[in-house]
C-alpha atoms as a PDB file:
ATOM      1  CA  MET A   1      -5.408 -24.834  -4.957  1.00  0.00           C
ATOM      2  CA  GLU A   2      -2.320 -23.303  -3.374  1.00  0.00           C
ATOM      3  CA  TRP A   3      -2.084 -19.518  -3.200  1.00  0.00           C
ATOM      4  CA  ILE A   4       0.705 -16.985  -2.814  1.00  0.00           C
ATOM      5  CA  VAL A   5      -0.056 -13.688  -1.082  1.00  0.00           C
ATOM      6  CA  GLY A   6       2.114 -10.591  -1.322  1.00  0.00           C
ATOM      7  CA  ILE A   7       1.688  -7.563   0.951  1.00  0.00           C
ATOM      8  CA  ASP A   8       3.150  -4.092   0.537  1.00  0.00           C
ATOM      9  CA  GLU A   9       2.493  -0.546   1.764  1.00  0.00           C
ATOM     10  CA  VAL A  10       2.699   2.972   0.440  1.00  0.00           C
ATOM     11  CA  GLY A  11       2.591   6.341   2.156  1.00  0.00           C
ATOM     12  CA  ARG A  12       4.873   5.569   5.085  1.00  0.00           C
ATOM     13  CA  GLY A  13       6.875   8.782   4.741  1.00  0.00           C
ATOM     14  CA  ALA A  14       4.095  11.130   3.650  1.00  0.00           C
ATOM     15  CA  LEU A  15       3.197  14.222   5.678  1.00  0.00           C
ATOM     16  CA  ALA A  16      -0.516  13.857   4.934  1.00  0.00           C
ATOM     17  CA  GLY A  17      -3.080  11.193   4.174  1.00  0.00           C
ATOM     18  CA  PRO A  18      -3.282   7.538   5.134  1.00  0.00           C
ATOM     19  CA  VAL A  19      -0.780   4.748   4.956  1.00  0.00           C
ATOM     20  CA  VAL A  20      -2.209   2.195   2.514  1.00  0.00           C
ATOM     21  CA  VAL A  21      -1.511  -1.524   2.400  1.00  0.00           C
ATOM     22  CA  ALA A  22      -2.560  -3.948  -0.326  1.00  0.00           C
ATOM     23  CA  ALA A  23      -2.582  -7.725  -0.074  1.00  0.00           C
ATOM     24  CA  ALA A  24      -2.474  -9.411  -3.497  1.00  0.00           C
ATOM     25  CA  MET A  25      -3.134 -13.090  -4.098  1.00  0.00           C
ATOM     26  CA  MET A  26      -2.393 -15.353  -7.043  1.00  0.00           C
ATOM     27  CA  PRO A  27      -2.328 -19.139  -7.530  1.00  0.00           C
ATOM     28  CA  LYS A  28       1.047 -20.778  -7.044  1.00  0.00           C
ATOM     29  CA  GLY A  29       2.713 -21.076 -10.451  1.00  0.00           C
ATOM     30  CA  PHE A  30       0.383 -18.465 -11.974  1.00  0.00           C
ATOM     31  CA  VAL A  31       1.768 -16.811 -15.112  1.00  0.00           C
ATOM     32  CA  LEU A  32       0.722 -13.303 -16.082  1.00  0.00           C
ATOM     33  CA  ARG A  33      -0.370 -13.286 -19.746  1.00  0.00           C
ATOM     34  CA  ASN A  34      -1.231 -10.496 -22.191  1.00  0.00           C
ATOM     35  CA  CYS A  35       0.345  -7.992 -19.796  1.00  0.00           C
ATOM     36  CA  PRO A  36       0.719  -4.267 -20.340  1.00  0.00           C
ATOM     37  CA  PRO A  37       3.964  -3.248 -22.100  1.00  0.00           C
ATOM     38  CA  GLY A  38       7.049  -3.458 -19.934  1.00  0.00           C
ATOM     39  CA  LYS A  39       8.154  -5.749 -17.170  1.00  0.00           C
ATOM     40  CA  LEU A  40       6.274  -6.144 -13.882  1.00  0.00           C
ATOM     41  CA  LYS A  41       8.213  -4.071 -11.322  1.00  0.00           C
ATOM     42  CA  ASP A  42       7.883  -2.483  -7.923  1.00  0.00           C
ATOM     43  CA  SER A  43       5.587   0.548  -8.170  1.00  0.00           C
ATOM     44  CA  LYS A  44       8.452   2.975  -7.472  1.00  0.00           C
ATOM     45  CA  LYS A  45      10.149   1.848 -10.689  1.00  0.00           C
ATOM     46  CA  LEU A  46       7.105   2.458 -12.895  1.00  0.00           C
ATOM     47  CA  SER A  47       5.652   5.681 -14.243  1.00  0.00           C
ATOM     48  CA  ALA A  48       2.170   6.755 -13.129  1.00  0.00           C
ATOM     49  CA  LYS A  49       0.790   5.701 -16.522  1.00  0.00           C
ATOM     50  CA  GLN A  50       2.430   2.273 -16.290  1.00  0.00           C
ATOM     51  CA  ARG A  51       1.063   1.771 -12.769  1.00  0.00           C
ATOM     52  CA  GLU A  52      -2.433   2.670 -13.974  1.00  0.00           C
ATOM     53  CA  GLU A  53      -2.159   0.183 -16.847  1.00  0.00           C
ATOM     54  CA  TRP A  54      -0.983  -2.586 -14.548  1.00  0.00           C
ATOM     55  CA  ALA A  55      -3.711  -1.818 -11.969  1.00  0.00           C
ATOM     56  CA  LYS A  56      -6.398  -2.068 -14.674  1.00  0.00           C
ATOM     57  CA  TYR A  57      -4.868  -5.329 -15.832  1.00  0.00           C
ATOM     58  CA  PHE A  58      -4.946  -6.798 -12.302  1.00  0.00           C
ATOM     59  CA  GLY A  59      -8.514  -5.613 -11.771  1.00  0.00           C
ATOM     60  CA  ALA A  60      -9.641  -7.395 -14.946  1.00  0.00           C
ATOM     61  CA  ASN A  61      -7.583 -10.565 -14.375  1.00  0.00           C
ATOM     62  CA  PRO A  62      -9.504 -13.345 -12.579  1.00  0.00           C
ATOM     63  CA  GLY A  63      -6.219 -14.944 -11.506  1.00  0.00           C
ATOM     64  CA  VAL A  64      -5.325 -11.983  -9.291  1.00  0.00           C
ATOM     65  CA  GLU A  65      -7.286 -10.986  -6.190  1.00  0.00           C
ATOM     66  CA  PHE A  66      -6.504  -8.196  -3.774  1.00  0.00           C
ATOM     67  CA  ALA A  67      -7.714  -6.348  -0.701  1.00  0.00           C
ATOM     68  CA  ILE A  68      -6.776  -2.895   0.552  1.00  0.00           C
ATOM     69  CA  ALA A  69      -6.662  -1.269   3.992  1.00  0.00           C
ATOM     70  CA  ARG A  70      -5.944   2.308   5.082  1.00  0.00           C
ATOM     71  CA  VAL A  71      -4.885   3.736   8.435  1.00  0.00           C
ATOM     72  CA  TYR A  72      -5.477   7.459   8.831  1.00  0.00           C
ATOM     73  CA  PRO A  73      -3.348  10.236  10.370  1.00  0.00           C
ATOM     74  CA  ARG A  74      -4.857  10.247  13.873  1.00  0.00           C
ATOM     75  CA  GLN A  75      -4.257   6.509  14.222  1.00  0.00           C
ATOM     76  CA  ILE A  76      -0.754   6.884  12.767  1.00  0.00           C
ATOM     77  CA  GLU A  77      -0.004   9.487  15.446  1.00  0.00           C
ATOM     78  CA  LYS A  78      -1.487   7.311  18.173  1.00  0.00           C
ATOM     79  CA  ARG A  79       0.331   4.097  17.204  1.00  0.00           C
ATOM     80  CA  ASN A  80       3.419   5.337  15.238  1.00  0.00           C
ATOM     81  CA  ILE A  81       3.875   4.723  11.540  1.00  0.00           C
ATOM     82  CA  SER A  82       5.329   1.205  11.800  1.00  0.00           C
ATOM     83  CA  ARG A  83       2.499  -0.109  13.936  1.00  0.00           C
ATOM     84  CA  ALA A  84      -0.043   1.685  11.763  1.00  0.00           C
ATOM     85  CA  ALA A  85       1.376   0.067   8.618  1.00  0.00           C
ATOM     86  CA  ASN A  86       1.354  -3.352  10.264  1.00  0.00           C
ATOM     87  CA  LEU A  87      -2.239  -2.815  11.420  1.00  0.00           C
ATOM     88  CA  ALA A  88      -3.189  -2.047   7.816  1.00  0.00           C
ATOM     89  CA  ALA A  89      -1.313  -5.196   6.709  1.00  0.00           C
ATOM     90  CA  GLU A  90      -3.328  -7.256   9.209  1.00  0.00           C
ATOM     91  CA  ARG A  91      -6.581  -5.743   7.966  1.00  0.00           C
ATOM     92  CA  ALA A  92      -5.792  -6.185   4.263  1.00  0.00           C
ATOM     93  CA  PHE A  93      -4.670  -9.782   4.731  1.00  0.00           C
ATOM     94  CA  GLY A  94      -7.658 -10.507   6.981  1.00  0.00           C
ATOM     95  CA  ARG A  95     -10.084  -9.259   4.325  1.00  0.00           C
ATOM     96  CA  LEU A  96      -8.420 -11.418   1.684  1.00  0.00           C
ATOM     97  CA  ALA A  97      -8.323 -14.462   3.975  1.00  0.00           C
ATOM     98  CA  VAL A  98     -12.011 -14.188   4.881  1.00  0.00           C
ATOM     99  CA  ALA A  99     -13.171 -13.473   1.319  1.00  0.00           C
ATOM    100  CA  HIS A 100     -11.302 -16.489  -0.061  1.00  0.00           C
ATOM    101  CA  ASN A 101     -11.252 -18.807   2.953  1.00  0.00           C
ATOM    102  CA  LEU A 102      -7.464 -19.028   2.896  1.00  0.00           C
ATOM    103  CA  LYS A 103      -5.864 -21.923   4.729  1.00  0.00           C
ATOM    104  CA  SER A 104      -3.258 -21.455   7.420  1.00  0.00           C
ATOM    105  CA  ASN A 105      -0.535 -22.896   5.176  1.00  0.00           C
ATOM    106  CA  THR A 106      -0.990 -20.213   2.493  1.00  0.00           C
ATOM    107  CA  ALA A 107       2.381 -18.696   1.554  1.00  0.00           C
ATOM    108  CA  VAL A 108       2.365 -15.047   2.647  1.00  0.00           C
ATOM    109  CA  PHE A 109       5.245 -12.697   1.832  1.00  0.00           C
ATOM    110  CA  LEU A 110       5.532  -9.126   3.101  1.00  0.00           C
ATOM    111  CA  ASP A 111       7.866  -6.421   1.905  1.00  0.00           C
ATOM    112  CA  GLY A 112      10.611  -5.484   4.382  1.00  0.00           C
ATOM    113  CA  GLY A 113       9.381  -3.504   7.376  1.00  0.00           C
ATOM    114  CA  LEU A 114       5.941  -5.137   7.413  1.00  0.00           C
ATOM    115  CA  PHE A 115       4.821  -8.128   9.415  1.00  0.00           C
ATOM    116  CA  LEU A 116       1.615  -9.797  10.523  1.00  0.00           C
ATOM    117  CA  GLY A 117       1.177  -9.707  14.267  1.00  0.00           C
ATOM    118  CA  ASN A 118      -0.482  -7.724  17.021  1.00  0.00           C
ATOM    119  CA  ASP A 119      -0.244  -4.070  18.008  1.00  0.00           C
ATOM    120  CA  LYS A 120       2.485  -4.809  20.550  1.00  0.00           C
ATOM    121  CA  GLY A 121       4.821  -5.884  17.772  1.00  0.00           C
ATOM    122  CA  GLN A 122       4.586  -9.620  18.368  1.00  0.00           C
ATOM    123  CA  ARG A 123       5.019 -11.379  15.048  1.00  0.00           C
ATOM    124  CA  SER A 124       2.746 -14.064  13.711  1.00  0.00           C
ATOM    125  CA  LYS A 125       4.114 -17.310  12.307  1.00  0.00           C
ATOM    126  CA  HIS A 126       1.823 -16.596   9.362  1.00  0.00           C
ATOM    127  CA  GLY A 127       3.833 -14.572   6.893  1.00  0.00           C
ATOM    128  CA  LYS A 128       7.468 -14.038   6.000  1.00  0.00           C
ATOM    129  CA  THR A 129       9.033 -10.588   5.718  1.00  0.00           C
ATOM    130  CA  ILE A 130      11.394 -10.280   2.746  1.00  0.00           C
ATOM    131  CA  ILE A 131      13.896  -7.441   2.525  1.00  0.00           C
ATOM    132  CA  LYS A 132      13.380  -5.762  -0.881  1.00  0.00           C
ATOM    133  CA  GLY A 133      10.550  -8.194  -1.488  1.00  0.00           C
ATOM    134  CA  ASP A 134       9.015  -5.718  -3.914  1.00  0.00           C
ATOM    135  CA  GLU A 135      11.966  -6.452  -6.226  1.00  0.00           C
ATOM    136  CA  LYS A 136      11.875 -10.238  -5.824  1.00  0.00           C
ATOM    137  CA  ILE A 137       8.327 -11.580  -5.510  1.00  0.00           C
ATOM    138  CA  SER A 138       5.616 -10.986  -8.112  1.00  0.00           C
ATOM    139  CA  ALA A 139       2.765 -10.983  -5.583  1.00  0.00           C
ATOM    140  CA  ILE A 140       4.506  -8.205  -3.607  1.00  0.00           C
ATOM    141  CA  LYS A 141       5.126  -6.243  -6.816  1.00  0.00           C
ATOM    142  CA  ILE A 142       1.406  -6.497  -7.582  1.00  0.00           C
ATOM    143  CA  ALA A 143       0.524  -5.358  -4.059  1.00  0.00           C
ATOM    144  CA  SER A 144       2.890  -2.397  -4.343  1.00  0.00           C
ATOM    145  CA  ILE A 145       1.249  -1.244  -7.583  1.00  0.00           C
ATOM    146  CA  VAL A 146      -2.304  -1.709  -6.297  1.00  0.00           C
ATOM    147  CA  ALA A 147      -1.510   0.157  -3.062  1.00  0.00           C
ATOM    148  CA  LYS A 148       0.214   3.024  -4.889  1.00  0.00           C
ATOM    149  CA  VAL A 149      -2.569   3.538  -7.445  1.00  0.00           C
ATOM    150  CA  HIS A 150      -5.216   3.356  -4.716  1.00  0.00           C
ATOM    151  CA  ARG A 151      -3.443   5.876  -2.499  1.00  0.00           C
ATOM    152  CA  ASP A 152      -2.684   8.262  -5.356  1.00  0.00           C
ATOM    153  CA  ASP A 153      -6.371   8.226  -6.360  1.00  0.00           C
ATOM    154  CA  PHE A 154      -7.362   8.803  -2.742  1.00  0.00           C
ATOM    155  CA  MET A 155      -5.005  11.774  -2.419  1.00  0.00           C
ATOM    156  CA  CYS A 156      -6.388  13.285  -5.639  1.00  0.00           C
ATOM    157  CA  ARG A 157      -9.870  13.066  -4.111  1.00  0.00           C
ATOM    158  CA  LEU A 158      -8.574  14.699  -0.909  1.00  0.00           C
ATOM    159  CA  ALA A 159      -7.148  17.522  -3.029  1.00  0.00           C
ATOM    160  CA  LYS A 160     -10.701  18.571  -3.911  1.00  0.00           C
ATOM    161  CA  SER A 161     -11.496  19.092  -0.224  1.00  0.00           C
ATOM    162  CA  TYR A 162      -8.109  20.679   0.579  1.00  0.00           C
ATOM    163  CA  PRO A 163      -7.138  22.542  -2.612  1.00  0.00           C
ATOM    164  CA  ALA A 164      -4.512  24.765  -0.952  1.00  0.00           C
ATOM    165  CA  TYR A 165      -2.000  21.936  -0.485  1.00  0.00           C
ATOM    166  CA  GLY A 166      -1.582  20.420  -3.964  1.00  0.00           C
ATOM    167  CA  PHE A 167      -2.172  16.807  -2.894  1.00  0.00           C
ATOM    168  CA  GLU A 168      -2.990  15.906  -6.505  1.00  0.00           C
ATOM    169  CA  VAL A 169       0.631  16.717  -7.408  1.00  0.00           C
ATOM    170  CA  HIS A 170       2.785  15.440  -4.532  1.00  0.00           C
ATOM    171  CA  LYS A 171       0.308  12.980  -2.945  1.00  0.00           C
ATOM    172  CA  GLY A 172       1.064  14.285   0.556  1.00  0.00           C
ATOM    173  CA  TYR A 173       4.840  13.817   0.482  1.00  0.00           C
ATOM    174  CA  GLY A 174       7.191  16.504   1.784  1.00  0.00           C
ATOM    175  CA  THR A 175       8.048  18.359  -1.389  1.00  0.00           C
ATOM    176  CA  LYS A 176       9.077  22.017  -1.399  1.00  0.00           C
ATOM    177  CA  VAL A 177       5.646  22.997  -2.724  1.00  0.00           C
ATOM    178  CA  HIS A 178       3.915  21.063   0.032  1.00  0.00           C
ATOM    179  CA  ARG A 179       6.110  22.502   2.786  1.00  0.00           C
ATOM    180  CA  ARG A 180       5.535  26.001   1.429  1.00  0.00           C
ATOM    181  CA  ALA A 181       1.768  25.425   1.573  1.00  0.00           C
ATOM    182  CA  LEU A 182       2.107  24.148   5.148  1.00  0.00           C
ATOM    183  CA  ARG A 183       3.978  27.285   6.192  1.00  0.00           C
ATOM    184  CA  LYS A 184       1.323  29.463   4.577  1.00  0.00           C
ATOM    185  CA  HIS A 185      -1.846  27.619   5.627  1.00  0.00           C
ATOM    186  CA  GLY A 186      -0.807  25.425   8.554  1.00  0.00           C
ATOM    187  CA  PRO A 187      -1.690  21.734   8.730  1.00  0.00           C
ATOM    188  CA  SER A 188      -5.101  20.467   7.653  1.00  0.00           C
ATOM    189  CA  ALA A 189      -7.225  17.764   9.267  1.00  0.00           C
ATOM    190  CA  VAL A 190      -5.566  15.159   7.042  1.00  0.00           C
ATOM    191  CA  HIS A 191      -1.976  16.030   7.946  1.00  0.00           C
ATOM    192  CA  ARG A 192       0.078  13.905  10.324  1.00  0.00           C
ATOM    193  CA  LEU A 193       0.844  16.431  13.015  1.00  0.00           C
ATOM    194  CA  THR A 194       3.795  14.499  14.418  1.00  0.00           C
ATOM    195  CA  PHE A 195       5.342  14.482  10.905  1.00  0.00           C
ATOM    196  CA  VAL A 196       4.931  18.183  10.127  1.00  0.00           C
ATOM    197  CA  SER A 197       5.955  19.662  13.501  1.00  0.00           C
END
């Protein structure tokens, strides 16, 4: 069977929390059936409720498989955000490839800005980066939704440990409320110090 893999990230511009990458896999020619209401779109174009519905649908659909990887603030600061996101892409794809014994000719598409390669920025022949891929390729759309729902859930869990920052509301992004909390309380252990300074 031939597979298509889509890879996308979320959390690149956040001031706190990890960058999260999902790799989603579906058989070539696979058709989504009995979907939630509304068209499959990039996660940014869906409401939180719609993303949750789609994520549940993917989790229950045997035709869709996915793997997730996170890179945390200290590693983001050490590597820079682009390298951190690409490291997460490598990890997510690697988990999917090992779990499903993917062949080297598997079609792999990454949303613009991501690539598979090493930490020095050397690109692998395995994988094609598509500008605005999250608007064009279903597997990338799926990855974007899975990554977004996963990261949002993770940030809501972090909010319980760091209640002063409102992570459950803004998910670590630089809103006025978040920046006000930073001025009042200073950065926490889960903030990206190079982003908030």
